[in-house]
Amino acid sequence: GVWNDNGVLRTGGWDHDTESLEVSSLRVFEAHFGEDDNFPYSIDEPGIGGGVKADLGLTLGDNIILSLASGVSVWNGSGFSSTATEMNVAFGTQSTVSSNGGGDLTFAVTEDYDYHPIFSIAETSAVGSYLLQFSVSVDGLASSDPFWIVFNQGMDDELNEESVEWVEGNLVPAPGAIGLLAMAGLASSRRRRN
């Protein structure tokens, strides 16, 4: 789910069954390649869903811009490292966006939108947990904080979950941490002036 929080875009967890934003702040999402035997290196989850009828503060006809940051990382057992593996994101007739250079895809806000871009990984990719970074923007609103999708490419589920927990603990600031960092910055600037 993408929603407007007083002029700032946020990402959360959208529930298809209840048609509501069940988790208002979510910045780490998961996907598993190989769920469809016919397309083992592609997946269309997670999607971008929601709808203005759910009062997400978006306007009919606005465009949500999904921005893929360049680069893909692979789990090394204690963190994520850069890798030459290429991942792509495609949607409809738009040009495919590659992790090699990053780029944008556009999704129109409709009354009850539910879009599913296709995420794919090279068939030669090794078993592992792969990480992509995204953000979303809408004209007239502040862009979202970065968010991440962790893709399991044939890795043991427990090991993959360790990589997801690492992203949650190391890339997503804890609530209030940004405020504490800002306060620490103020304190250190005061010390320098004194």
C-alpha atoms as a PDB file:
ATOM      1  CA  GLY A   1       0.000   0.000   0.000  1.00  0.00           C
ATOM      2  CA  VAL A   2       1.103   3.523  -0.845  1.00  0.00           C
ATOM      3  CA  TRP A   3      -0.567   6.321   1.112  1.00  0.00           C
ATOM      4  CA  ASN A   4      -0.397  10.031   1.840  1.00  0.00           C
ATOM      5  CA  ASP A   5       0.600  10.843   5.428  1.00  0.00           C
ATOM      6  CA  ASN A   6       0.029  14.631   5.649  1.00  0.00           C
ATOM      7  CA  GLY A   7       1.914  15.301   2.431  1.00  0.00           C
ATOM      8  CA  VAL A   8       4.528  12.539   2.771  1.00  0.00           C
ATOM      9  CA  LEU A   9       4.224   9.210   0.963  1.00  0.00           C
ATOM     10  CA  ARG A  10       4.456   6.112   3.153  1.00  0.00           C
ATOM     11  CA  THR A  11       4.537   2.417   2.308  1.00  0.00           C
ATOM     12  CA  GLY A  12       2.529  -0.135   4.246  1.00  0.00           C
ATOM     13  CA  GLY A  13       0.885  -3.525   4.110  1.00  0.00           C
ATOM     14  CA  TRP A  14      -2.322  -3.720   2.071  1.00  0.00           C
ATOM     15  CA  ASP A  15      -4.751  -6.587   2.777  1.00  0.00           C
ATOM     16  CA  HIS A  16      -6.636  -7.823  -0.305  1.00  0.00           C
ATOM     17  CA  ASP A  17      -9.299  -9.560   1.800  1.00  0.00           C
ATOM     18  CA  THR A  18     -10.295  -6.575   3.919  1.00  0.00           C
ATOM     19  CA  GLU A  19      -9.376  -3.990   1.251  1.00  0.00           C
ATOM     20  CA  SER A  20      -7.597  -1.930   3.871  1.00  0.00           C
ATOM     21  CA  LEU A  21      -4.174  -0.766   4.940  1.00  0.00           C
ATOM     22  CA  GLU A  22      -3.439  -3.315   7.684  1.00  0.00           C
ATOM     23  CA  VAL A  23       0.105  -2.120   8.458  1.00  0.00           C
ATOM     24  CA  SER A  24       0.575   1.633   8.092  1.00  0.00           C
ATOM     25  CA  SER A  25       4.381   1.619   8.014  1.00  0.00           C
ATOM     26  CA  LEU A  26       6.239  -1.188   6.291  1.00  0.00           C
ATOM     27  CA  ARG A  27       9.595  -0.796   4.560  1.00  0.00           C
ATOM     28  CA  VAL A  28      10.790  -4.373   4.077  1.00  0.00           C
ATOM     29  CA  PHE A  29       8.890  -6.719   1.769  1.00  0.00           C
ATOM     30  CA  GLU A  30       9.564 -10.321   0.760  1.00  0.00           C
ATOM     31  CA  ALA A  31       9.268 -12.287  -2.474  1.00  0.00           C
ATOM     32  CA  HIS A  32      10.107 -15.879  -3.419  1.00  0.00           C
ATOM     33  CA  PHE A  33      11.190 -16.903  -6.890  1.00  0.00           C
ATOM     34  CA  GLY A  34      10.122 -20.368  -8.012  1.00  0.00           C
ATOM     35  CA  GLU A  35       6.521 -20.238  -6.770  1.00  0.00           C
ATOM     36  CA  ASP A  36       5.333 -20.789 -10.357  1.00  0.00           C
ATOM     37  CA  ASP A  37       7.094 -23.759 -11.987  1.00  0.00           C
ATOM     38  CA  ASN A  38       6.447 -22.259 -15.429  1.00  0.00           C
ATOM     39  CA  PHE A  39       8.271 -19.032 -14.503  1.00  0.00           C
ATOM     40  CA  PRO A  40      10.903 -19.982 -11.901  1.00  0.00           C
ATOM     41  CA  TYR A  41      12.929 -16.763 -12.314  1.00  0.00           C
ATOM     42  CA  SER A  42      10.008 -14.309 -12.251  1.00  0.00           C
ATOM     43  CA  ILE A  43       7.417 -13.227  -9.701  1.00  0.00           C
ATOM     44  CA  ASP A  44       4.651 -10.611  -9.590  1.00  0.00           C
ATOM     45  CA  GLU A  45       4.635 -10.095  -5.815  1.00  0.00           C
ATOM     46  CA  PRO A  46       4.725  -7.817  -3.994  1.00  0.00           C
ATOM     47  CA  GLY A  47       2.301  -5.608  -5.855  1.00  0.00           C
ATOM     48  CA  ILE A  48       1.284  -1.986  -5.483  1.00  0.00           C
ATOM     49  CA  GLY A  49      -2.266  -1.866  -4.205  1.00  0.00           C
ATOM     50  CA  GLY A  50      -4.777   0.276  -2.483  1.00  0.00           C
ATOM     51  CA  GLY A  51      -7.422   2.604  -3.682  1.00  0.00           C
ATOM     52  CA  VAL A  52      -8.742   6.038  -2.955  1.00  0.00           C
ATOM     53  CA  LYS A  53     -11.936   4.517  -1.610  1.00  0.00           C
ATOM     54  CA  ALA A  54      -9.810   3.319   1.319  1.00  0.00           C
ATOM     55  CA  ASP A  55      -9.018   6.972   2.073  1.00  0.00           C
ATOM     56  CA  LEU A  56      -5.302   6.703   1.363  1.00  0.00           C
ATOM     57  CA  GLY A  57      -5.132  10.398   0.585  1.00  0.00           C
ATOM     58  CA  LEU A  58      -4.313   9.963  -3.091  1.00  0.00           C
ATOM     59  CA  THR A  59      -6.140  11.608  -5.972  1.00  0.00           C
ATOM     60  CA  LEU A  60      -7.732   9.756  -8.882  1.00  0.00           C
ATOM     61  CA  GLY A  61      -5.540  10.171 -11.935  1.00  0.00           C
ATOM     62  CA  ASP A  62      -2.334  10.846 -10.025  1.00  0.00           C
ATOM     63  CA  ASN A  63       0.671   8.771 -11.029  1.00  0.00           C
ATOM     64  CA  ILE A  64       2.676   6.775  -8.531  1.00  0.00           C
ATOM     65  CA  ILE A  65       6.311   6.631  -9.656  1.00  0.00           C
ATOM     66  CA  LEU A  66       8.123   3.505  -8.452  1.00  0.00           C
ATOM     67  CA  SER A  67      11.874   4.214  -8.522  1.00  0.00           C
ATOM     68  CA  LEU A  68      14.399   1.377  -8.502  1.00  0.00           C
ATOM     69  CA  ALA A  69      17.823   2.374  -7.173  1.00  0.00           C
ATOM     70  CA  SER A  70      20.706   0.966  -9.179  1.00  0.00           C
ATOM     71  CA  GLY A  71      22.500  -2.110  -7.901  1.00  0.00           C
ATOM     72  CA  VAL A  72      21.497  -5.438  -6.462  1.00  0.00           C
ATOM     73  CA  SER A  73      23.023  -7.035  -3.376  1.00  0.00           C
ATOM     74  CA  VAL A  74      23.287 -10.649  -2.265  1.00  0.00           C
ATOM     75  CA  TRP A  75      23.266 -12.049   1.281  1.00  0.00           C
ATOM     76  CA  ASN A  76      26.736 -13.137   2.440  1.00  0.00           C
ATOM     77  CA  GLY A  77      25.714 -14.580   5.823  1.00  0.00           C
ATOM     78  CA  SER A  78      26.333 -11.412   7.824  1.00  0.00           C
ATOM     79  CA  GLY A  79      25.124  -8.629   5.519  1.00  0.00           C
ATOM     80  CA  PHE A  80      24.560  -7.824   1.866  1.00  0.00           C
ATOM     81  CA  SER A  81      27.325  -7.393  -0.725  1.00  0.00           C
ATOM     82  CA  SER A  82      27.227  -6.010  -4.248  1.00  0.00           C
ATOM     83  CA  THR A  83      26.837  -8.577  -7.003  1.00  0.00           C
ATOM     84  CA  ALA A  84      26.963  -8.540 -10.786  1.00  0.00           C
ATOM     85  CA  THR A  85      23.654 -10.423 -10.929  1.00  0.00           C
ATOM     86  CA  GLU A  86      21.051  -8.437 -12.851  1.00  0.00           C
ATOM     87  CA  MET A  87      17.434  -8.083 -11.804  1.00  0.00           C
ATOM     88  CA  ASN A  88      14.678  -6.431 -13.851  1.00  0.00           C
ATOM     89  CA  VAL A  89      11.277  -4.931 -13.123  1.00  0.00           C
ATOM     90  CA  ALA A  90       8.676  -4.699 -15.899  1.00  0.00           C
ATOM     91  CA  PHE A  91       5.089  -3.478 -16.075  1.00  0.00           C
ATOM     92  CA  GLY A  92       2.771  -3.471 -19.066  1.00  0.00           C
ATOM     93  CA  THR A  93       4.127  -1.686 -22.127  1.00  0.00           C
ATOM     94  CA  GLN A  94       6.632   0.409 -20.164  1.00  0.00           C
ATOM     95  CA  SER A  95      10.333  -0.138 -20.730  1.00  0.00           C
ATOM     96  CA  THR A  96      11.867  -2.692 -18.400  1.00  0.00           C
ATOM     97  CA  VAL A  97      13.901  -1.181 -15.559  1.00  0.00           C
ATOM     98  CA  SER A  98      17.197  -2.884 -14.720  1.00  0.00           C
ATOM     99  CA  SER A  99      19.142  -3.008 -11.479  1.00  0.00           C
ATOM    100  CA  ASN A 100      22.213  -2.166 -13.581  1.00  0.00           C
ATOM    101  CA  GLY A 101      21.073   1.431 -13.987  1.00  0.00           C
ATOM    102  CA  GLY A 102      17.909   1.858 -11.939  1.00  0.00           C
ATOM    103  CA  GLY A 103      14.887   3.724 -13.269  1.00  0.00           C
ATOM    104  CA  ASP A 104      11.179   4.434 -12.883  1.00  0.00           C
ATOM    105  CA  LEU A 105       7.850   2.749 -13.578  1.00  0.00           C
ATOM    106  CA  THR A 106       4.507   4.588 -13.448  1.00  0.00           C
ATOM    107  CA  PHE A 107       1.190   3.393 -11.975  1.00  0.00           C
ATOM    108  CA  ALA A 108      -2.062   5.375 -12.259  1.00  0.00           C
ATOM    109  CA  VAL A 109      -4.186   5.899  -9.148  1.00  0.00           C
ATOM    110  CA  THR A 110      -7.652   4.506  -9.879  1.00  0.00           C
ATOM    111  CA  GLU A 111     -10.651   3.840  -7.641  1.00  0.00           C
ATOM    112  CA  ASP A 112      -9.330   0.433  -6.577  1.00  0.00           C
ATOM    113  CA  TYR A 113      -5.863  -0.060  -8.043  1.00  0.00           C
ATOM    114  CA  ASP A 114      -3.912  -3.312  -7.701  1.00  0.00           C
ATOM    115  CA  TYR A 115      -0.829  -3.488  -9.900  1.00  0.00           C
ATOM    116  CA  HIS A 116       1.690  -6.289 -10.087  1.00  0.00           C
ATOM    117  CA  PRO A 117       4.966  -5.546 -11.837  1.00  0.00           C
ATOM    118  CA  ILE A 118       7.061  -8.540 -12.885  1.00  0.00           C
ATOM    119  CA  PHE A 119      10.330  -8.923 -10.985  1.00  0.00           C
ATOM    120  CA  SER A 120      12.873 -11.222 -12.638  1.00  0.00           C
ATOM    121  CA  ILE A 121      16.378 -12.468 -11.980  1.00  0.00           C
ATOM    122  CA  ALA A 122      18.944 -13.929 -14.367  1.00  0.00           C
ATOM    123  CA  GLU A 123      18.567 -17.680 -14.860  1.00  0.00           C
ATOM    124  CA  THR A 124      22.278 -18.041 -14.081  1.00  0.00           C
ATOM    125  CA  SER A 125      21.898 -16.471 -10.624  1.00  0.00           C
ATOM    126  CA  ALA A 126      23.177 -18.472  -7.681  1.00  0.00           C
ATOM    127  CA  VAL A 127      20.944 -19.670  -4.866  1.00  0.00           C
ATOM    128  CA  GLY A 128      20.673 -16.852  -2.371  1.00  0.00           C
ATOM    129  CA  SER A 129      18.820 -13.892  -0.956  1.00  0.00           C
ATOM    130  CA  TYR A 130      18.866 -10.777  -3.171  1.00  0.00           C
ATOM    131  CA  LEU A 131      18.051  -7.196  -2.219  1.00  0.00           C
ATOM    132  CA  LEU A 132      16.658  -4.272  -4.244  1.00  0.00           C
ATOM    133  CA  GLN A 133      15.980  -0.742  -2.966  1.00  0.00           C
ATOM    134  CA  PHE A 134      13.000   1.363  -4.077  1.00  0.00           C
ATOM    135  CA  SER A 135      11.121   4.573  -3.291  1.00  0.00           C
ATOM    136  CA  VAL A 136       7.799   5.990  -4.496  1.00  0.00           C
ATOM    137  CA  SER A 137       6.796   9.514  -5.448  1.00  0.00           C
ATOM    138  CA  VAL A 138       3.690  11.405  -6.536  1.00  0.00           C
ATOM    139  CA  ASP A 139       3.712  14.982  -7.849  1.00  0.00           C
ATOM    140  CA  GLY A 140       2.903  17.433  -5.058  1.00  0.00           C
ATOM    141  CA  LEU A 141       3.853  15.043  -2.224  1.00  0.00           C
ATOM    142  CA  ALA A 142       7.168  14.323  -0.518  1.00  0.00           C
ATOM    143  CA  SER A 143       8.707  11.062  -1.723  1.00  0.00           C
ATOM    144  CA  SER A 144       8.697   7.998   0.489  1.00  0.00           C
ATOM    145  CA  ASP A 145      11.622   6.847   2.547  1.00  0.00           C
ATOM    146  CA  PRO A 146      13.557   4.047   0.828  1.00  0.00           C
ATOM    147  CA  PHE A 147      12.076   0.584   1.113  1.00  0.00           C
ATOM    148  CA  TRP A 148      13.478  -2.812   0.233  1.00  0.00           C
ATOM    149  CA  ILE A 149      12.364  -6.098  -1.275  1.00  0.00           C
ATOM    150  CA  VAL A 150      14.250  -9.238  -0.251  1.00  0.00           C
ATOM    151  CA  PHE A 151      14.000 -11.928  -2.947  1.00  0.00           C
ATOM    152  CA  ASN A 152      14.565 -15.576  -2.067  1.00  0.00           C
ATOM    153  CA  GLN A 153      16.182 -17.400  -4.996  1.00  0.00           C
ATOM    154  CA  GLY A 154      16.006 -21.045  -3.862  1.00  0.00           C
ATOM    155  CA  MET A 155      17.518 -20.422  -0.428  1.00  0.00           C
ATOM    156  CA  ASP A 156      16.418 -22.263   2.706  1.00  0.00           C
ATOM    157  CA  ASP A 157      13.500 -20.308   4.220  1.00  0.00           C
ATOM    158  CA  GLU A 158      15.129 -19.989   7.661  1.00  0.00           C
ATOM    159  CA  LEU A 159      18.368 -18.637   6.180  1.00  0.00           C
ATOM    160  CA  ASN A 160      16.393 -16.260   3.978  1.00  0.00           C
ATOM    161  CA  GLU A 161      14.483 -15.030   7.031  1.00  0.00           C
ATOM    162  CA  GLU A 162      17.826 -14.180   8.684  1.00  0.00           C
ATOM    163  CA  SER A 163      18.590 -11.913   5.726  1.00  0.00           C
ATOM    164  CA  VAL A 164      15.163 -10.236   6.027  1.00  0.00           C
ATOM    165  CA  GLU A 165      15.724  -9.646   9.751  1.00  0.00           C
ATOM    166  CA  TRP A 166      19.144  -8.166   8.964  1.00  0.00           C
ATOM    167  CA  VAL A 167      17.554  -5.636   6.576  1.00  0.00           C
ATOM    168  CA  GLU A 168      14.897  -4.751   9.174  1.00  0.00           C
ATOM    169  CA  GLY A 169      17.530  -4.283  11.876  1.00  0.00           C
ATOM    170  CA  ASN A 170      20.245  -2.543   9.863  1.00  0.00           C
ATOM    171  CA  LEU A 171      18.668  -0.559   7.035  1.00  0.00           C
ATOM    172  CA  VAL A 172      15.366   0.581   8.555  1.00  0.00           C
ATOM    173  CA  PRO A 173      15.827   3.053  11.423  1.00  0.00           C
ATOM    174  CA  ALA A 174      13.977   2.149  14.608  1.00  0.00           C
ATOM    175  CA  PRO A 175      11.050   4.455  15.471  1.00  0.00           C
ATOM    176  CA  GLY A 176      12.456   7.565  17.085  1.00  0.00           C
ATOM    177  CA  ALA A 177      16.019   6.830  15.965  1.00  0.00           C
ATOM    178  CA  ILE A 178      15.977   9.646  13.426  1.00  0.00           C
ATOM    179  CA  GLY A 179      14.888  12.064  16.140  1.00  0.00           C
ATOM    180  CA  LEU A 180      17.650  10.829  18.418  1.00  0.00           C
ATOM    181  CA  LEU A 181      20.213  11.194  15.645  1.00  0.00           C
ATOM    182  CA  ALA A 182      19.022  14.736  14.987  1.00  0.00           C
ATOM    183  CA  MET A 183      19.275  15.559  18.701  1.00  0.00           C
ATOM    184  CA  ALA A 184      22.781  14.058  18.822  1.00  0.00           C
ATOM    185  CA  GLY A 185      23.746  16.241  15.858  1.00  0.00           C
ATOM    186  CA  LEU A 186      22.435  19.340  17.635  1.00  0.00           C
ATOM    187  CA  ALA A 187      24.349  18.490  20.804  1.00  0.00           C
ATOM    188  CA  SER A 188      27.617  17.963  18.930  1.00  0.00           C
ATOM    189  CA  SER A 189      27.205  21.224  16.975  1.00  0.00           C
ATOM    190  CA  ARG A 190      26.618  23.071  20.271  1.00  0.00           C
ATOM    191  CA  ARG A 191      29.793  21.560  21.749  1.00  0.00           C
ATOM    192  CA  ARG A 192      31.807  22.721  18.715  1.00  0.00           C
ATOM    193  CA  ARG A 193      30.470  26.277  19.062  1.00  0.00           C
ATOM    194  CA  ASN A 194      31.307  26.372  22.789  1.00  0.00           C
END
